[in-house]
Protein backbone atom coordinates (compact mmCIF):
# COMPACT_ATOMS: atom_id res chain seq x y z
CA MET A 1 -10.07 -18.08 -14.08
CA SER A 2 -6.65 -19.66 -13.84
CA VAL A 3 -3.92 -18.22 -11.66
CA ARG A 4 -0.71 -17.44 -13.51
CA ASN A 5 2.15 -18.92 -11.50
CA ASP A 6 4.76 -18.63 -14.24
CA LYS A 7 7.96 -17.18 -12.76
CA SER A 8 9.16 -16.35 -16.27
CA LEU A 9 6.44 -13.73 -16.76
CA PHE A 10 9.06 -10.99 -16.59
CA LYS A 11 10.80 -12.41 -19.65
CA LYS A 12 7.64 -12.56 -21.76
CA GLU A 13 7.06 -10.27 -24.68
CA ILE A 14 4.76 -7.50 -23.52
CA ILE A 15 1.45 -7.48 -25.39
CA ASP A 16 -0.53 -4.26 -25.61
CA ASP A 17 -3.63 -5.15 -23.57
CA GLY A 18 -4.82 -1.56 -23.35
CA ASP A 19 -8.48 -2.54 -23.74
CA LYS A 20 -8.45 -5.14 -20.95
CA ASN A 21 -9.44 -4.12 -17.44
CA VAL A 22 -6.77 -3.72 -14.80
CA VAL A 23 -6.34 -6.68 -12.46
CA PHE A 24 -4.26 -6.78 -9.30
CA SER A 25 -1.84 -9.46 -8.22
CA PHE A 26 -0.44 -10.01 -4.73
CA GLU A 27 1.96 -12.67 -6.06
CA LEU A 28 5.00 -10.43 -5.40
CA LEU A 29 3.76 -8.80 -2.18
CA ASP A 30 6.70 -8.18 0.17
CA ILE A 31 5.84 -7.84 3.85
CA ASN A 32 8.67 -6.23 5.84
CA LYS A 33 9.30 -3.82 8.71
CA TYR A 34 8.59 -0.71 6.60
CA PHE A 35 5.83 -1.85 4.27
CA ASN A 36 2.90 -3.79 5.72
CA MET A 37 -0.55 -3.31 7.27
CA ASP A 38 0.25 -4.15 10.90
CA CYS A 39 0.01 -0.51 12.00
CA THR A 40 -3.15 0.43 10.17
CA CYS A 41 -6.50 1.44 11.54
CA HIS A 42 -9.37 -0.92 10.96
CA ASN A 43 -10.53 1.12 7.93
CA TRP A 44 -7.26 0.89 5.94
CA SER A 45 -7.80 -2.61 4.57
CA SER A 46 -11.37 -1.72 3.63
CA ASP A 47 -10.14 1.43 1.88
CA LEU A 48 -7.55 -0.68 0.04
CA MET A 49 -10.24 -3.03 -1.25
CA CYS A 50 -12.41 -0.09 -2.38
CA VAL A 51 -9.49 1.42 -4.32
CA LEU A 52 -8.67 -1.91 -5.97
CA LYS A 53 -12.34 -2.51 -6.83
CA SER A 54 -12.65 0.95 -8.35
CA LEU A 55 -9.49 0.61 -10.44
CA SER A 56 -10.48 -2.90 -11.56
CA GLY A 57 -13.34 -1.29 -13.44
CA ILE A 58 -11.07 0.60 -15.86
CA THR A 59 -8.87 -0.47 -18.74
CA ARG A 60 -5.08 -0.44 -18.71
CA LYS A 61 -5.20 2.38 -21.25
CA GLN A 62 -7.34 4.47 -18.87
CA PHE A 63 -5.06 3.59 -15.93
CA LYS A 64 -2.04 4.84 -17.86
CA SER A 65 -3.56 7.97 -19.38
CA ASP A 66 -6.51 9.28 -17.33
CA THR A 67 -5.26 12.55 -15.84
CA HIS A 68 -8.03 12.56 -13.22
CA LEU A 69 -6.68 9.25 -11.83
CA ARG A 70 -3.03 10.19 -12.26
CA ASN A 71 -3.21 13.72 -10.85
CA GLY A 72 -6.36 13.65 -8.76
CA THR A 73 -8.25 10.81 -7.15
CA TYR A 74 -5.46 8.25 -6.73
CA ARG A 75 -2.45 10.34 -7.79
CA ILE A 76 -0.99 7.36 -9.66
CA HIS A 77 2.61 8.24 -10.42
CA TYR A 78 6.02 6.80 -11.15
CA HIS A 79 8.81 7.17 -8.60
CA LYS A 80 11.39 9.75 -9.60
CA ASN A 81 13.21 10.80 -6.44
CA ALA A 82 12.26 8.02 -4.04
CA VAL A 83 14.94 6.46 -1.88
CA PRO A 84 13.28 3.45 -0.26
CA PRO A 85 14.58 2.42 3.18
CA ILE A 86 15.28 -1.09 1.85
CA PRO A 87 16.06 -2.40 -1.64
CA PHE A 88 13.09 -3.00 -3.89
CA PRO A 89 12.57 -6.79 -3.79
CA VAL A 90 11.91 -7.21 -7.52
CA LYS A 91 14.64 -6.72 -10.12
CA ILE A 92 13.06 -3.75 -11.86
CA ASN A 93 14.18 -0.18 -12.26
CA LEU A 94 12.57 1.94 -9.53
CA SER A 95 11.52 4.45 -12.22
CA GLU A 96 9.10 1.76 -13.52
CA VAL A 97 7.46 1.38 -10.10
CA GLU A 98 4.22 3.26 -9.57
CA GLN A 99 2.39 4.42 -6.47
CA ILE A 100 -1.37 4.43 -6.10
CA ARG A 101 -2.26 6.79 -3.29
CA PHE A 102 -5.49 6.48 -1.27
CA ASP A 103 -5.42 10.08 -0.09
CA ALA A 104 -2.85 12.42 1.37
CA SER A 105 -3.01 10.95 4.86
CA LYS A 106 -3.48 7.22 4.22
CA GLY A 107 -0.43 6.44 2.11
CA GLY A 108 -0.76 4.00 -0.72
CA ILE A 109 0.60 0.96 -2.51
CA HIS A 110 3.65 0.48 -4.73
CA GLY A 111 3.99 -1.88 -7.64
CA PHE A 112 4.30 -2.13 -11.39
CA MET A 113 2.22 -3.12 -14.37
CA ILE A 114 2.91 -5.80 -16.95
CA GLU A 115 0.25 -5.96 -19.63
CA ASN A 116 -2.95 -5.27 -17.65
CA VAL A 117 -1.74 -6.81 -14.36
CA PHE A 118 -0.63 -4.46 -11.59
CA TYR A 119 1.71 -6.37 -9.27
CA ILE A 120 1.41 -4.98 -5.75
CA VAL A 121 4.79 -5.19 -4.03
CA TRP A 122 4.60 -2.85 -1.03
CA LEU A 123 1.74 -1.59 1.13
CA ASP A 124 2.73 1.83 2.49
CA PRO A 125 0.27 3.25 5.03
CA LEU A 126 3.02 5.28 6.78
CA HIS A 127 4.49 6.99 3.69
CA ASN A 128 7.81 5.19 4.12
CA MET A 129 8.66 5.40 0.41
CA TYR A 130 8.75 9.18 0.81
CA PRO A 131 9.22 9.70 4.55
CA SER A 132 8.61 13.29 5.56
CA GLU A 133 8.35 15.08 8.86
CA ARG A 134 4.75 15.92 7.95
CA HIS A 135 3.93 12.21 8.29
CA GLY A 136 6.32 11.52 11.18
CA GLY A 137 9.42 10.53 9.17
CA LEU A 138 10.59 6.99 8.49
CA LYS A 139 8.91 4.52 10.84
CA GLU A 140 9.40 0.83 11.40
CA ILE A 141 6.13 -1.00 11.66
CA LYS A 142 5.95 -3.18 14.73
CA PRO A 143 3.21 -5.78 14.72
CA PRO A 144 0.87 -5.73 17.72
CA ASP A 145 1.10 -8.46 20.34
CA THR A 146 -2.26 -9.80 19.19
CA CYS A 147 -4.43 -9.34 16.14
CA CYS A 148 -6.34 -6.74 18.14
CA GLY A 149 -3.26 -5.07 19.62
CA TRP A 150 -4.61 -1.58 19.21
CA HIS A 151 -7.63 -2.59 21.33
CA ASP A 152 -5.30 -4.05 23.98
CA GLU A 153 -3.28 -0.82 24.15
CA GLU A 154 -6.44 1.29 24.45
CA LEU A 155 -7.74 -1.00 27.20
CA ARG A 156 -4.44 -0.67 29.12
CA ARG A 157 -4.55 3.11 28.79
CA LEU A 158 -8.16 3.35 29.97
CA THR A 159 -7.53 0.95 32.88
CA GLU A 160 -4.60 3.10 34.03
CA GLU A 161 -6.66 6.27 33.65
CA ASN A 162 -9.51 4.71 35.66
CA LYS A 163 -7.05 3.68 38.39
CA GLU A 164 -5.75 7.27 38.64
CA TYR A 165 -9.30 8.65 38.95
CA CYS A 166 -10.16 6.11 41.65
CA GLU A 167 -7.04 7.09 43.61
CA MET A 168 -7.96 10.80 43.32
CA LEU A 169 -11.43 10.10 44.69
CA GLY A 170 -9.93 8.18 47.57
């Protein structure tokens, strides 16, 4: 399989590849302070791969028309009233950008489809495309000090808690 690295792909004539399976591209992935995986639990990346694997087994036609996928399982939908915290990094109308949601609490991914290729642009575990108080509002994602930063923070918390218990016992 060859990797398409043609920057003119947005100028190509769109061919109806409705019978080809959906494939995902990270070629246009934009990592920034609102859209990345640095804040996620250890299951988020695994969940992402499961969603992509599942959707790779369907055709573009199914992706675009299956109401169970669009309204249920992955709630695939176009953005109508979204006001992203930063400009979308690809010159495309935001109304052509779609979200694939994992579930109500895990956020999702944002991108767009050309032919049967879904270009993933933003990873959104914190619901920053549609920040709401229910999910804690708009949040900047700060990378941990180390690749296991969440372990380090938990270790600090438990060490401090242990110290307090030792002091109470005298």
